[in-house]
Amino acid sequence: MAQTTNDIKNGSVLNLDGQLWQVIKFQHVKPGKGPAFVRTTIKNVLSGKIVDKTFNAGMKMEFETVDNRTLQYSYEDGDNYVFMDMTTYDQIMIPKELIGEQSKYLLEGTDCIVSFHDGTPLSVELPASVILTITHTEPGLQGNRSNAGTKPATVETGAEIQVPLFINEGEKVKVDTRDGSYLGREN
């Protein structure tokens, strides 16, 4: 069965000119004058580049199946990270480039969503936030300032984040994995 632009949904993966693109959002537009069309925002699965693209309504498209699996991070091995499928206990090697900057928030035992196409890993999605322990930070000194002060702190994965002055070494904090921002203290 041939698929058309009418079958586009958020999260669909399209094959355009040999590259895989994931639909972030789409809108069917039917103007009063002229033919209907589909306006989409798509993201290149490999590079992460985001593009706005418009397709004519009813145009034939090539959809790809992408398998999303929850894998648990085990350890680092050279240029790869080793993840374990907790249902089959298979170990899967994933190149470091796929995780990129977010790897500094990757802790053993973290469950991540890994997207596969034809058995090849395409992307790794970390949880939105992780709980990490502060391993080093200077004591915070309260001074005369109008806003809440922050100070640099190193977490157990080696990443450096900005935390409020009242945070001390050994405390657990919640960190946003997308931008490395401090979200709060954990008990």
C-alpha atoms as a PDB file:
ATOM      1  CA  MET A   1       0.000   0.000   0.000  1.00  0.00           C
ATOM      2  CA  ALA A   2       1.485   3.340  -1.053  1.00  0.00           C
ATOM      3  CA  GLN A   3       1.563   6.027   1.627  1.00  0.00           C
ATOM      4  CA  THR A   4       0.902   9.708   0.975  1.00  0.00           C
ATOM      5  CA  THR A   5       1.316  13.008   2.792  1.00  0.00           C
ATOM      6  CA  ASN A   6      -2.122  12.368   4.340  1.00  0.00           C
ATOM      7  CA  ASP A   7      -0.503   9.611   6.465  1.00  0.00           C
ATOM      8  CA  ILE A   8       2.029  11.980   8.113  1.00  0.00           C
ATOM      9  CA  LYS A   9       1.893  12.017  11.922  1.00  0.00           C
ATOM     10  CA  ASN A  10       4.162  13.486  14.610  1.00  0.00           C
ATOM     11  CA  GLY A  11       7.097  11.087  15.060  1.00  0.00           C
ATOM     12  CA  SER A  12       6.792   9.555  11.548  1.00  0.00           C
ATOM     13  CA  VAL A  13      10.123   8.922   9.840  1.00  0.00           C
ATOM     14  CA  LEU A  14      10.348   9.860   6.144  1.00  0.00           C
ATOM     15  CA  ASN A  15      12.992   8.871   3.610  1.00  0.00           C
ATOM     16  CA  LEU A  16      13.734  12.021   1.574  1.00  0.00           C
ATOM     17  CA  ASP A  17      16.582  11.821  -0.960  1.00  0.00           C
ATOM     18  CA  GLY A  18      18.112   8.857   0.875  1.00  0.00           C
ATOM     19  CA  GLN A  19      18.171  10.607   4.270  1.00  0.00           C
ATOM     20  CA  LEU A  20      15.943   9.880   7.255  1.00  0.00           C
ATOM     21  CA  TRP A  21      13.859  12.761   8.618  1.00  0.00           C
ATOM     22  CA  GLN A  22      11.572  12.633  11.651  1.00  0.00           C
ATOM     23  CA  VAL A  23       8.384  14.734  11.669  1.00  0.00           C
ATOM     24  CA  ILE A  24       8.373  17.058  14.691  1.00  0.00           C
ATOM     25  CA  LYS A  25       5.107  18.783  13.783  1.00  0.00           C
ATOM     26  CA  PHE A  26       2.827  19.015  10.765  1.00  0.00           C
ATOM     27  CA  GLN A  27      -0.229  20.923   9.601  1.00  0.00           C
ATOM     28  CA  HIS A  28      -2.640  20.148   6.770  1.00  0.00           C
ATOM     29  CA  VAL A  29      -3.497  23.460   5.084  1.00  0.00           C
ATOM     30  CA  LYS A  30      -6.438  23.876   2.722  1.00  0.00           C
ATOM     31  CA  PRO A  31      -6.470  27.447   1.474  1.00  0.00           C
ATOM     32  CA  GLY A  32      -9.663  28.893  -0.043  1.00  0.00           C
ATOM     33  CA  LYS A  33      -7.841  29.279  -3.340  1.00  0.00           C
ATOM     34  CA  GLY A  34      -5.424  26.705  -4.775  1.00  0.00           C
ATOM     35  CA  PRO A  35      -4.561  23.103  -3.853  1.00  0.00           C
ATOM     36  CA  ALA A  36      -4.184  21.777  -0.296  1.00  0.00           C
ATOM     37  CA  PHE A  37      -0.707  21.176   1.111  1.00  0.00           C
ATOM     38  CA  VAL A  38       1.053  19.849   4.217  1.00  0.00           C
ATOM     39  CA  ARG A  39       3.441  22.143   6.110  1.00  0.00           C
ATOM     40  CA  THR A  40       5.960  20.179   8.223  1.00  0.00           C
ATOM     41  CA  THR A  41       8.880  20.751  10.559  1.00  0.00           C
ATOM     42  CA  ILE A  42      11.273  17.822  10.160  1.00  0.00           C
ATOM     43  CA  LYS A  43      14.513  16.844  11.903  1.00  0.00           C
ATOM     44  CA  ASN A  44      17.374  14.948  10.265  1.00  0.00           C
ATOM     45  CA  VAL A  45      17.713  11.764  12.334  1.00  0.00           C
ATOM     46  CA  LEU A  46      21.502  11.576  12.001  1.00  0.00           C
ATOM     47  CA  SER A  47      22.639  15.232  12.126  1.00  0.00           C
ATOM     48  CA  GLY A  48      19.809  16.712  14.210  1.00  0.00           C
ATOM     49  CA  LYS A  49      19.295  19.555  11.687  1.00  0.00           C
ATOM     50  CA  ILE A  50      15.738  20.966  11.765  1.00  0.00           C
ATOM     51  CA  VAL A  51      14.069  22.148   8.523  1.00  0.00           C
ATOM     52  CA  ASP A  52      10.616  23.441   7.525  1.00  0.00           C
ATOM     53  CA  LYS A  53       9.333  21.690   4.404  1.00  0.00           C
ATOM     54  CA  THR A  54       6.067  21.892   2.489  1.00  0.00           C
ATOM     55  CA  PHE A  55       4.555  18.990   0.520  1.00  0.00           C
ATOM     56  CA  ASN A  56       1.579  18.907  -1.853  1.00  0.00           C
ATOM     57  CA  ALA A  57      -1.402  17.057  -0.356  1.00  0.00           C
ATOM     58  CA  GLY A  58      -1.760  13.479  -1.584  1.00  0.00           C
ATOM     59  CA  MET A  59       1.866  13.276  -2.768  1.00  0.00           C
ATOM     60  CA  LYS A  60       3.353   9.760  -2.484  1.00  0.00           C
ATOM     61  CA  MET A  61       6.008   9.444   0.242  1.00  0.00           C
ATOM     62  CA  GLU A  62       8.410   6.796   1.470  1.00  0.00           C
ATOM     63  CA  PHE A  63       7.969   6.097   5.195  1.00  0.00           C
ATOM     64  CA  GLU A  64      10.571   4.166   7.201  1.00  0.00           C
ATOM     65  CA  THR A  65      10.055   2.083  10.320  1.00  0.00           C
ATOM     66  CA  VAL A  66      12.172   3.098  13.269  1.00  0.00           C
ATOM     67  CA  ASP A  67      12.340   0.806  16.276  1.00  0.00           C
ATOM     68  CA  ASN A  68      12.546   2.627  19.635  1.00  0.00           C
ATOM     69  CA  ARG A  69      13.893   0.454  22.459  1.00  0.00           C
ATOM     70  CA  THR A  70      14.608   1.210  26.096  1.00  0.00           C
ATOM     71  CA  LEU A  71      18.194   0.218  26.873  1.00  0.00           C
ATOM     72  CA  GLN A  72      20.168   0.580  30.087  1.00  0.00           C
ATOM     73  CA  TYR A  73      23.624   2.208  30.026  1.00  0.00           C
ATOM     74  CA  SER A  74      26.279  -0.202  31.355  1.00  0.00           C
ATOM     75  CA  TYR A  75      29.796   1.141  30.745  1.00  0.00           C
ATOM     76  CA  GLU A  76      32.209   2.967  28.419  1.00  0.00           C
ATOM     77  CA  ASP A  77      34.421   0.920  26.097  1.00  0.00           C
ATOM     78  CA  GLY A  78      36.906   2.894  23.945  1.00  0.00           C
ATOM     79  CA  ASP A  79      34.942   4.883  21.333  1.00  0.00           C
ATOM     80  CA  ASN A  80      31.643   3.243  22.292  1.00  0.00           C
ATOM     81  CA  TYR A  81      29.136   3.154  25.105  1.00  0.00           C
ATOM     82  CA  VAL A  82      27.763  -0.278  25.975  1.00  0.00           C
ATOM     83  CA  PHE A  83      24.012  -0.504  26.583  1.00  0.00           C
ATOM     84  CA  MET A  84      22.049  -3.555  27.694  1.00  0.00           C
ATOM     85  CA  ASP A  85      18.622  -4.590  26.463  1.00  0.00           C
ATOM     86  CA  MET A  86      16.919  -5.545  29.744  1.00  0.00           C
ATOM     87  CA  THR A  87      14.471  -7.950  28.040  1.00  0.00           C
ATOM     88  CA  THR A  88      16.992 -10.051  26.068  1.00  0.00           C
ATOM     89  CA  TYR A  89      20.158  -9.107  28.040  1.00  0.00           C
ATOM     90  CA  ASP A  90      21.951  -8.388  24.744  1.00  0.00           C
ATOM     91  CA  GLN A  91      24.822  -5.899  24.947  1.00  0.00           C
ATOM     92  CA  ILE A  92      24.736  -3.228  22.233  1.00  0.00           C
ATOM     93  CA  MET A  93      27.681  -0.968  21.341  1.00  0.00           C
ATOM     94  CA  ILE A  94      26.688   2.611  20.522  1.00  0.00           C
ATOM     95  CA  PRO A  95      29.234   5.114  19.128  1.00  0.00           C
ATOM     96  CA  LYS A  96      30.009   8.092  21.395  1.00  0.00           C
ATOM     97  CA  GLU A  97      29.097  10.562  18.594  1.00  0.00           C
ATOM     98  CA  LEU A  98      25.419   9.559  18.843  1.00  0.00           C
ATOM     99  CA  ILE A  99      25.161  10.833  22.413  1.00  0.00           C
ATOM    100  CA  GLY A 100      27.496  13.820  22.036  1.00  0.00           C
ATOM    101  CA  GLU A 101      27.446  16.496  24.765  1.00  0.00           C
ATOM    102  CA  GLN A 102      24.735  14.725  26.768  1.00  0.00           C
ATOM    103  CA  SER A 103      27.214  11.967  27.679  1.00  0.00           C
ATOM    104  CA  LYS A 104      28.393  14.049  30.634  1.00  0.00           C
ATOM    105  CA  TYR A 105      25.052  13.290  32.358  1.00  0.00           C
ATOM    106  CA  LEU A 106      25.148   9.544  31.568  1.00  0.00           C
ATOM    107  CA  LEU A 107      25.326   7.440  34.720  1.00  0.00           C
ATOM    108  CA  GLU A 108      25.554   3.631  34.991  1.00  0.00           C
ATOM    109  CA  GLY A 109      22.084   2.107  35.139  1.00  0.00           C
ATOM    110  CA  THR A 110      20.393   5.012  33.314  1.00  0.00           C
ATOM    111  CA  ASP A 111      17.536   3.912  31.047  1.00  0.00           C
ATOM    112  CA  CYS A 112      17.713   5.599  27.617  1.00  0.00           C
ATOM    113  CA  ILE A 113      15.527   5.368  24.513  1.00  0.00           C
ATOM    114  CA  VAL A 114      17.597   4.229  21.530  1.00  0.00           C
ATOM    115  CA  SER A 115      16.180   4.475  17.983  1.00  0.00           C
ATOM    116  CA  PHE A 116      17.202   1.786  15.481  1.00  0.00           C
ATOM    117  CA  HIS A 117      16.679   1.564  11.698  1.00  0.00           C
ATOM    118  CA  ASP A 118      17.581  -1.761  10.048  1.00  0.00           C
ATOM    119  CA  GLY A 119      19.578  -2.702  13.159  1.00  0.00           C
ATOM    120  CA  THR A 120      21.705   0.469  13.081  1.00  0.00           C
ATOM    121  CA  PRO A 121      21.421   2.819  16.086  1.00  0.00           C
ATOM    122  CA  LEU A 122      20.310   6.301  14.933  1.00  0.00           C
ATOM    123  CA  SER A 123      19.887   8.302  18.117  1.00  0.00           C
ATOM    124  CA  VAL A 124      19.997   8.049  21.900  1.00  0.00           C
ATOM    125  CA  GLU A 125      17.546   9.973  24.056  1.00  0.00           C
ATOM    126  CA  LEU A 126      18.479  10.430  27.717  1.00  0.00           C
ATOM    127  CA  PRO A 127      15.789  11.005  30.364  1.00  0.00           C
ATOM    128  CA  ALA A 128      14.791  14.698  30.655  1.00  0.00           C
ATOM    129  CA  SER A 129      16.518  14.904  34.044  1.00  0.00           C
ATOM    130  CA  VAL A 130      18.955  12.829  36.097  1.00  0.00           C
ATOM    131  CA  ILE A 131      19.885  12.799  39.783  1.00  0.00           C
ATOM    132  CA  LEU A 132      23.619  13.286  40.369  1.00  0.00           C
ATOM    133  CA  THR A 133      25.798  13.694  43.470  1.00  0.00           C
ATOM    134  CA  ILE A 134      27.957  16.822  43.908  1.00  0.00           C
ATOM    135  CA  THR A 135      31.592  15.671  44.221  1.00  0.00           C
ATOM    136  CA  HIS A 136      33.274  19.089  44.483  1.00  0.00           C
ATOM    137  CA  THR A 137      32.164  22.655  45.093  1.00  0.00           C
ATOM    138  CA  GLU A 138      33.525  25.660  46.983  1.00  0.00           C
ATOM    139  CA  PRO A 139      31.661  26.769  50.123  1.00  0.00           C
ATOM    140  CA  GLY A 140      29.093  29.412  49.170  1.00  0.00           C
ATOM    141  CA  LEU A 141      29.496  32.821  50.770  1.00  0.00           C
ATOM    142  CA  GLN A 142      26.355  34.921  51.101  1.00  0.00           C
ATOM    143  CA  GLY A 143      27.127  38.540  50.243  1.00  0.00           C
ATOM    144  CA  ASN A 144      25.277  41.705  49.315  1.00  0.00           C
ATOM    145  CA  ARG A 145      23.561  40.863  46.044  1.00  0.00           C
ATOM    146  CA  SER A 146      20.143  41.483  44.638  1.00  0.00           C
ATOM    147  CA  ASN A 147      19.659  38.074  42.982  1.00  0.00           C
ATOM    148  CA  ALA A 148      20.232  34.485  44.080  1.00  0.00           C
ATOM    149  CA  GLY A 149      23.886  33.647  43.525  1.00  0.00           C
ATOM    150  CA  THR A 150      25.254  30.541  41.841  1.00  0.00           C
ATOM    151  CA  LYS A 151      28.599  28.785  41.952  1.00  0.00           C
ATOM    152  CA  PRO A 152      30.256  26.074  39.834  1.00  0.00           C
ATOM    153  CA  ALA A 153      29.999  22.485  41.072  1.00  0.00           C
ATOM    154  CA  THR A 154      31.372  19.195  39.713  1.00  0.00           C
ATOM    155  CA  VAL A 155      29.021  16.186  39.678  1.00  0.00           C
ATOM    156  CA  GLU A 156      29.937  12.470  39.851  1.00  0.00           C
ATOM    157  CA  THR A 157      30.085  12.127  36.039  1.00  0.00           C
ATOM    158  CA  GLY A 158      32.697  14.912  35.826  1.00  0.00           C
ATOM    159  CA  ALA A 159      30.351  17.524  34.336  1.00  0.00           C
ATOM    160  CA  GLU A 160      30.464  21.052  35.736  1.00  0.00           C
ATOM    161  CA  ILE A 161      27.126  22.756  36.421  1.00  0.00           C
ATOM    162  CA  GLN A 162      25.973  25.971  38.111  1.00  0.00           C
ATOM    163  CA  VAL A 163      24.212  25.445  41.467  1.00  0.00           C
ATOM    164  CA  PRO A 164      22.808  27.809  44.146  1.00  0.00           C
ATOM    165  CA  LEU A 165      25.164  28.884  46.945  1.00  0.00           C
ATOM    166  CA  PHE A 166      23.461  26.679  49.597  1.00  0.00           C
ATOM    167  CA  ILE A 167      24.383  23.389  47.832  1.00  0.00           C
ATOM    168  CA  ASN A 168      27.279  21.477  49.459  1.00  0.00           C
ATOM    169  CA  GLU A 169      29.490  18.516  48.508  1.00  0.00           C
ATOM    170  CA  GLY A 170      27.806  15.115  48.819  1.00  0.00           C
ATOM    171  CA  GLU A 171      24.277  16.432  48.145  1.00  0.00           C
ATOM    172  CA  LYS A 172      22.126  14.963  45.383  1.00  0.00           C
ATOM    173  CA  VAL A 173      20.759  17.381  42.780  1.00  0.00           C
ATOM    174  CA  LYS A 174      18.396  17.032  39.821  1.00  0.00           C
ATOM    175  CA  VAL A 175      20.005  18.153  36.522  1.00  0.00           C
ATOM    176  CA  ASP A 176      18.320  18.834  33.149  1.00  0.00           C
ATOM    177  CA  THR A 177      20.113  16.648  30.554  1.00  0.00           C
ATOM    178  CA  ARG A 178      19.262  18.977  27.649  1.00  0.00           C
ATOM    179  CA  ASP A 179      21.088  22.086  28.909  1.00  0.00           C
ATOM    180  CA  GLY A 180      22.814  21.054  32.152  1.00  0.00           C
ATOM    181  CA  SER A 181      20.758  23.387  34.340  1.00  0.00           C
ATOM    182  CA  TYR A 182      20.117  22.810  38.042  1.00  0.00           C
ATOM    183  CA  LEU A 183      16.484  21.805  38.681  1.00  0.00           C
ATOM    184  CA  GLY A 184      16.458  21.252  42.447  1.00  0.00           C
ATOM    185  CA  ARG A 185      17.749  19.291  45.402  1.00  0.00           C
ATOM    186  CA  GLU A 186      16.922  15.584  45.839  1.00  0.00           C
ATOM    187  CA  ASN A 187      16.576  13.747  49.136  1.00  0.00           C
END
